[in-house]
N, C-alpha and C. Protein backbone atom coordinates (compact mmCIF):
# COMPACT_ATOMS: atom_id res chain seq x y z
N MET A 1 28.16 44.27 48.93
CA MET A 1 29.40 43.93 49.59
C MET A 1 30.56 44.34 48.68
N THR A 2 31.54 44.97 49.26
CA THR A 2 32.71 45.36 48.48
C THR A 2 33.59 44.14 48.26
N ALA A 3 34.49 44.27 47.31
CA ALA A 3 35.39 43.18 47.00
C ALA A 3 36.25 42.80 48.20
N LEU A 4 36.42 43.73 49.13
CA LEU A 4 37.29 43.47 50.27
C LEU A 4 36.56 42.93 51.48
N GLU A 5 35.25 42.94 51.45
CA GLU A 5 34.50 42.39 52.57
C GLU A 5 34.57 40.87 52.52
N HIS A 6 34.73 40.25 53.65
CA HIS A 6 34.80 38.81 53.72
C HIS A 6 33.41 38.22 53.83
N GLU A 7 33.24 37.05 53.24
CA GLU A 7 31.94 36.40 53.30
C GLU A 7 31.53 36.09 54.74
N ASP A 8 32.53 35.92 55.62
CA ASP A 8 32.21 35.59 57.00
C ASP A 8 32.03 36.83 57.88
N SER A 9 32.07 38.03 57.28
CA SER A 9 31.82 39.26 58.03
C SER A 9 30.36 39.28 58.47
N PRO A 10 30.08 39.88 59.63
CA PRO A 10 28.68 40.02 60.05
C PRO A 10 27.88 40.79 58.99
N VAL A 11 26.62 40.46 58.87
CA VAL A 11 25.77 41.07 57.85
C VAL A 11 25.72 42.58 58.01
N TYR A 12 25.67 43.07 59.25
CA TYR A 12 25.56 44.52 59.42
C TYR A 12 26.81 45.22 58.90
N LEU A 13 27.98 44.57 58.98
CA LEU A 13 29.20 45.17 58.43
C LEU A 13 29.18 45.15 56.90
N LYS A 14 28.61 44.12 56.32
CA LYS A 14 28.46 44.07 54.87
C LYS A 14 27.53 45.19 54.40
N LEU A 15 26.43 45.37 55.11
CA LEU A 15 25.49 46.43 54.77
C LEU A 15 26.14 47.80 54.97
N ARG A 16 26.91 47.93 56.03
CA ARG A 16 27.61 49.19 56.28
C ARG A 16 28.56 49.51 55.12
N ALA A 17 29.25 48.49 54.62
CA ALA A 17 30.18 48.68 53.50
C ALA A 17 29.42 49.11 52.24
N ILE A 18 28.26 48.55 52.02
CA ILE A 18 27.43 48.91 50.85
C ILE A 18 27.00 50.36 50.95
N ILE A 19 26.54 50.77 52.13
CA ILE A 19 26.09 52.14 52.34
C ILE A 19 27.27 53.10 52.22
N ALA A 20 28.40 52.76 52.83
CA ALA A 20 29.59 53.61 52.76
C ALA A 20 30.02 53.81 51.31
N ALA A 21 30.02 52.73 50.53
CA ALA A 21 30.42 52.84 49.12
C ALA A 21 29.46 53.75 48.37
N ALA A 22 28.17 53.64 48.66
CA ALA A 22 27.19 54.50 47.98
C ALA A 22 27.42 55.97 48.33
N ILE A 23 27.73 56.25 49.57
CA ILE A 23 28.01 57.62 49.99
C ILE A 23 29.28 58.12 49.31
N LEU A 24 30.32 57.30 49.30
CA LEU A 24 31.60 57.71 48.70
C LEU A 24 31.50 57.88 47.19
N ARG A 25 30.61 57.13 46.54
CA ARG A 25 30.41 57.27 45.09
C ARG A 25 29.56 58.49 44.74
N GLY A 26 28.98 59.12 45.75
CA GLY A 26 28.14 60.29 45.51
C GLY A 26 26.68 59.95 45.27
N GLN A 27 26.32 58.71 45.49
CA GLN A 27 24.92 58.32 45.35
C GLN A 27 24.07 59.04 46.41
N TYR A 28 24.67 59.27 47.59
CA TYR A 28 24.02 60.03 48.65
C TYR A 28 24.99 61.13 49.05
N ARG A 29 24.54 62.37 48.94
CA ARG A 29 25.37 63.54 49.27
C ARG A 29 24.86 64.17 50.56
N ALA A 30 25.61 65.14 51.05
CA ALA A 30 25.20 65.86 52.25
C ALA A 30 23.77 66.37 52.07
N GLY A 31 22.94 66.08 53.06
CA GLY A 31 21.54 66.50 53.02
C GLY A 31 20.60 65.49 52.41
N ASP A 32 21.15 64.48 51.72
CA ASP A 32 20.30 63.46 51.10
C ASP A 32 19.78 62.48 52.15
N GLN A 33 18.60 61.99 51.89
CA GLN A 33 18.00 60.99 52.76
C GLN A 33 18.43 59.60 52.31
N LEU A 34 18.82 58.77 53.28
CA LEU A 34 19.13 57.38 52.99
C LEU A 34 17.83 56.59 52.87
N PRO A 35 17.87 55.44 52.21
CA PRO A 35 16.66 54.61 52.14
C PRO A 35 16.19 54.24 53.55
N SER A 36 14.92 54.03 53.69
CA SER A 36 14.39 53.62 54.99
C SER A 36 14.97 52.26 55.37
N VAL A 37 14.93 51.97 56.65
CA VAL A 37 15.42 50.68 57.14
C VAL A 37 14.68 49.55 56.43
N ARG A 38 13.39 49.66 56.33
CA ARG A 38 12.59 48.60 55.68
C ARG A 38 12.94 48.46 54.20
N ALA A 39 13.13 49.59 53.51
CA ALA A 39 13.45 49.53 52.08
C ALA A 39 14.81 48.88 51.86
N LEU A 40 15.80 49.27 52.66
CA LEU A 40 17.14 48.69 52.50
C LEU A 40 17.12 47.21 52.88
N ALA A 41 16.37 46.86 53.91
CA ALA A 41 16.26 45.46 54.32
C ALA A 41 15.65 44.62 53.20
N ALA A 42 14.60 45.14 52.58
CA ALA A 42 13.95 44.41 51.48
C ALA A 42 14.90 44.28 50.29
N GLU A 43 15.61 45.37 49.97
CA GLU A 43 16.52 45.37 48.83
C GLU A 43 17.64 44.34 48.98
N HIS A 44 18.10 44.14 50.22
CA HIS A 44 19.23 43.24 50.46
C HIS A 44 18.82 41.96 51.17
N ASN A 45 17.51 41.73 51.26
CA ASN A 45 17.00 40.52 51.90
C ASN A 45 17.60 40.34 53.29
N ALA A 46 17.57 41.41 54.07
CA ALA A 46 18.17 41.42 55.40
C ALA A 46 17.10 41.70 56.44
N ASN A 47 17.40 41.39 57.66
CA ASN A 47 16.53 41.68 58.78
C ASN A 47 16.57 43.19 59.05
N PRO A 48 15.42 43.83 59.22
CA PRO A 48 15.42 45.27 59.51
C PRO A 48 16.25 45.66 60.73
N LEU A 49 16.31 44.80 61.73
CA LEU A 49 17.14 45.11 62.90
C LEU A 49 18.62 45.14 62.55
N THR A 50 19.02 44.32 61.59
CA THR A 50 20.40 44.31 61.13
C THR A 50 20.72 45.60 60.36
N VAL A 51 19.79 46.03 59.53
CA VAL A 51 19.96 47.30 58.81
C VAL A 51 20.03 48.44 59.81
N ALA A 52 19.15 48.41 60.81
CA ALA A 52 19.15 49.46 61.83
C ALA A 52 20.49 49.51 62.56
N LYS A 53 21.10 48.37 62.78
CA LYS A 53 22.42 48.32 63.44
C LYS A 53 23.48 48.96 62.54
N ALA A 54 23.42 48.70 61.25
CA ALA A 54 24.37 49.31 60.31
C ALA A 54 24.17 50.83 60.30
N TYR A 55 22.92 51.27 60.22
CA TYR A 55 22.64 52.69 60.23
C TYR A 55 23.07 53.34 61.55
N GLN A 56 22.86 52.63 62.64
CA GLN A 56 23.26 53.16 63.95
C GLN A 56 24.76 53.43 64.00
N SER A 57 25.54 52.56 63.34
CA SER A 57 26.99 52.77 63.34
C SER A 57 27.35 54.07 62.61
N PHE A 58 26.60 54.41 61.55
CA PHE A 58 26.84 55.67 60.85
C PHE A 58 26.43 56.85 61.72
N GLN A 59 25.35 56.69 62.46
CA GLN A 59 24.91 57.75 63.37
C GLN A 59 25.94 57.92 64.49
N ASP A 60 26.41 56.83 65.05
CA ASP A 60 27.40 56.88 66.13
C ASP A 60 28.69 57.56 65.67
N ASP A 61 29.05 57.36 64.40
CA ASP A 61 30.27 57.94 63.86
C ASP A 61 30.07 59.38 63.37
N GLY A 62 28.84 59.88 63.42
CA GLY A 62 28.57 61.26 63.06
C GLY A 62 28.46 61.53 61.57
N TYR A 63 28.14 60.49 60.79
CA TYR A 63 28.00 60.67 59.35
C TYR A 63 26.57 60.97 58.93
N VAL A 64 25.61 60.57 59.77
CA VAL A 64 24.20 60.77 59.45
C VAL A 64 23.47 61.26 60.71
N GLU A 65 22.31 61.83 60.47
CA GLU A 65 21.44 62.22 61.58
C GLU A 65 20.05 61.66 61.33
N VAL A 66 19.37 61.37 62.42
CA VAL A 66 17.99 60.89 62.33
C VAL A 66 17.07 62.06 62.58
N ARG A 67 16.13 62.22 61.70
CA ARG A 67 15.06 63.21 61.90
C ARG A 67 13.81 62.40 62.20
N ARG A 68 13.41 62.44 63.44
CA ARG A 68 12.27 61.63 63.90
C ARG A 68 11.08 61.76 62.98
N GLY A 69 10.56 60.62 62.57
CA GLY A 69 9.38 60.59 61.73
C GLY A 69 9.64 60.91 60.27
N VAL A 70 10.90 61.26 59.94
CA VAL A 70 11.22 61.62 58.57
C VAL A 70 12.20 60.63 57.96
N GLY A 71 13.32 60.39 58.65
CA GLY A 71 14.31 59.45 58.14
C GLY A 71 15.72 59.80 58.55
N MET A 72 16.66 59.20 57.86
CA MET A 72 18.08 59.38 58.16
C MET A 72 18.71 60.16 57.01
N PHE A 73 19.52 61.17 57.35
CA PHE A 73 20.10 62.07 56.37
C PHE A 73 21.61 62.17 56.53
N VAL A 74 22.31 62.27 55.40
CA VAL A 74 23.77 62.42 55.40
C VAL A 74 24.11 63.82 55.86
N LEU A 75 25.03 63.90 56.82
CA LEU A 75 25.44 65.19 57.37
C LEU A 75 26.49 65.88 56.50
N PRO A 76 26.54 67.21 56.54
CA PRO A 76 27.61 67.93 55.83
C PRO A 76 28.98 67.47 56.34
N GLY A 77 29.91 67.30 55.43
CA GLY A 77 31.26 66.87 55.79
C GLY A 77 31.42 65.37 55.97
N ALA A 78 30.31 64.65 55.92
CA ALA A 78 30.36 63.21 56.16
C ALA A 78 31.18 62.48 55.10
N VAL A 79 31.04 62.90 53.85
CA VAL A 79 31.74 62.21 52.77
C VAL A 79 33.24 62.28 52.98
N GLU A 80 33.74 63.47 53.28
CA GLU A 80 35.18 63.64 53.47
C GLU A 80 35.68 62.85 54.67
N ARG A 81 34.94 62.93 55.79
CA ARG A 81 35.36 62.20 57.00
C ARG A 81 35.25 60.69 56.79
N LEU A 82 34.22 60.25 56.08
CA LEU A 82 34.07 58.82 55.80
C LEU A 82 35.20 58.33 54.91
N ARG A 83 35.58 59.13 53.91
CA ARG A 83 36.68 58.76 53.02
C ARG A 83 37.98 58.58 53.81
N VAL A 84 38.26 59.50 54.71
CA VAL A 84 39.47 59.40 55.55
C VAL A 84 39.41 58.12 56.40
N ALA A 85 38.27 57.88 57.01
CA ALA A 85 38.13 56.69 57.85
C ALA A 85 38.26 55.40 57.05
N GLU A 86 37.65 55.38 55.86
CA GLU A 86 37.72 54.18 55.03
C GLU A 86 39.13 53.96 54.48
N ARG A 87 39.85 55.04 54.17
CA ARG A 87 41.25 54.90 53.74
C ARG A 87 42.08 54.29 54.86
N ASP A 88 41.88 54.80 56.07
CA ASP A 88 42.62 54.27 57.23
C ASP A 88 42.28 52.80 57.45
N ARG A 89 41.00 52.47 57.33
CA ARG A 89 40.57 51.08 57.50
C ARG A 89 41.22 50.18 56.44
N PHE A 90 41.26 50.67 55.19
CA PHE A 90 41.88 49.90 54.12
C PHE A 90 43.36 49.67 54.42
N LEU A 91 44.07 50.74 54.78
CA LEU A 91 45.51 50.64 54.99
C LEU A 91 45.88 49.79 56.20
N THR A 92 45.04 49.78 57.22
CA THR A 92 45.37 49.01 58.42
C THR A 92 44.77 47.60 58.42
N SER A 93 43.63 47.43 57.80
CA SER A 93 42.96 46.13 57.85
C SER A 93 43.13 45.28 56.60
N TYR A 94 42.99 45.91 55.44
CA TYR A 94 42.98 45.15 54.20
C TYR A 94 44.34 45.11 53.50
N TRP A 95 45.00 46.24 53.41
CA TRP A 95 46.24 46.30 52.66
C TRP A 95 47.29 45.29 53.12
N PRO A 96 47.51 45.09 54.40
CA PRO A 96 48.52 44.08 54.79
C PRO A 96 48.22 42.69 54.22
N ARG A 97 46.94 42.31 54.19
CA ARG A 97 46.59 41.00 53.62
C ARG A 97 46.77 40.99 52.11
N VAL A 98 46.38 42.08 51.44
CA VAL A 98 46.55 42.19 49.99
C VAL A 98 48.04 42.14 49.65
N ARG A 99 48.84 42.92 50.37
CA ARG A 99 50.28 42.97 50.14
C ARG A 99 50.90 41.58 50.33
N ASP A 100 50.50 40.89 51.40
CA ASP A 100 51.03 39.55 51.64
C ASP A 100 50.65 38.59 50.51
N HIS A 101 49.44 38.72 50.00
CA HIS A 101 48.99 37.85 48.91
C HIS A 101 49.76 38.16 47.62
N ILE A 102 50.00 39.44 47.37
CA ILE A 102 50.79 39.84 46.21
C ILE A 102 52.18 39.23 46.29
N GLN A 103 52.78 39.30 47.47
CA GLN A 103 54.12 38.73 47.65
C GLN A 103 54.09 37.21 47.49
N LEU A 104 53.07 36.58 48.03
CA LEU A 104 52.94 35.13 47.92
C LEU A 104 52.87 34.68 46.47
N LEU A 105 52.19 35.48 45.63
CA LEU A 105 52.05 35.14 44.22
C LEU A 105 53.24 35.58 43.38
N GLY A 106 54.18 36.29 43.98
CA GLY A 106 55.37 36.73 43.27
C GLY A 106 55.10 37.85 42.28
N LEU A 107 54.07 38.64 42.54
CA LEU A 107 53.76 39.78 41.67
C LEU A 107 54.56 40.99 42.12
N ASP A 108 54.77 41.90 41.17
CA ASP A 108 55.37 43.17 41.55
C ASP A 108 54.49 44.31 41.05
N ALA A 109 54.81 45.53 41.45
CA ALA A 109 53.98 46.68 41.12
C ALA A 109 53.82 46.83 39.60
N ALA A 110 54.88 46.60 38.85
CA ALA A 110 54.80 46.74 37.38
C ALA A 110 53.82 45.73 36.80
N ASP A 111 53.83 44.48 37.31
CA ASP A 111 52.87 43.47 36.84
C ASP A 111 51.45 43.93 37.11
N LEU A 112 51.23 44.45 38.30
CA LEU A 112 49.89 44.87 38.69
C LEU A 112 49.41 46.04 37.84
N LEU A 113 50.29 47.00 37.60
CA LEU A 113 49.91 48.15 36.78
C LEU A 113 49.66 47.75 35.33
N ARG A 114 50.46 46.85 34.80
CA ARG A 114 50.24 46.39 33.42
C ARG A 114 48.88 45.69 33.33
N HIS A 115 48.56 44.89 34.31
CA HIS A 115 47.28 44.17 34.30
C HIS A 115 46.12 45.16 34.38
N GLU A 116 46.24 46.19 35.21
CA GLU A 116 45.19 47.19 35.37
C GLU A 116 44.99 47.97 34.09
N LEU A 117 46.06 48.27 33.38
CA LEU A 117 45.97 49.07 32.18
C LEU A 117 45.55 48.27 30.95
N ALA A 118 45.64 46.95 31.04
CA ALA A 118 45.32 46.10 29.89
C ALA A 118 43.83 46.04 29.63
């Protein structure tokens, strides 16, 4: 789960965020096979149907393809398109809440940058 995922988010969205982060970090590149549904379910103590739902969302969005009997593979261009989609998601879903919290705490950009650099 990423730092921005909420504890009350559905499990499949948490798993989707984990997979997306792995793809964006380069852990899985174009042409790479993702872990099997069963392997990912065991690794995260999740129901295989929930993992399948997370994977299905990647297939629906055109980031991966299923090769029957072989597995799920990252498609060419998926990393770049996923990065654009995740940036948009951050800016529209997460950033407004982060910005509001920053304002609530009376922080400014210089405070945040000093803290990051420390």
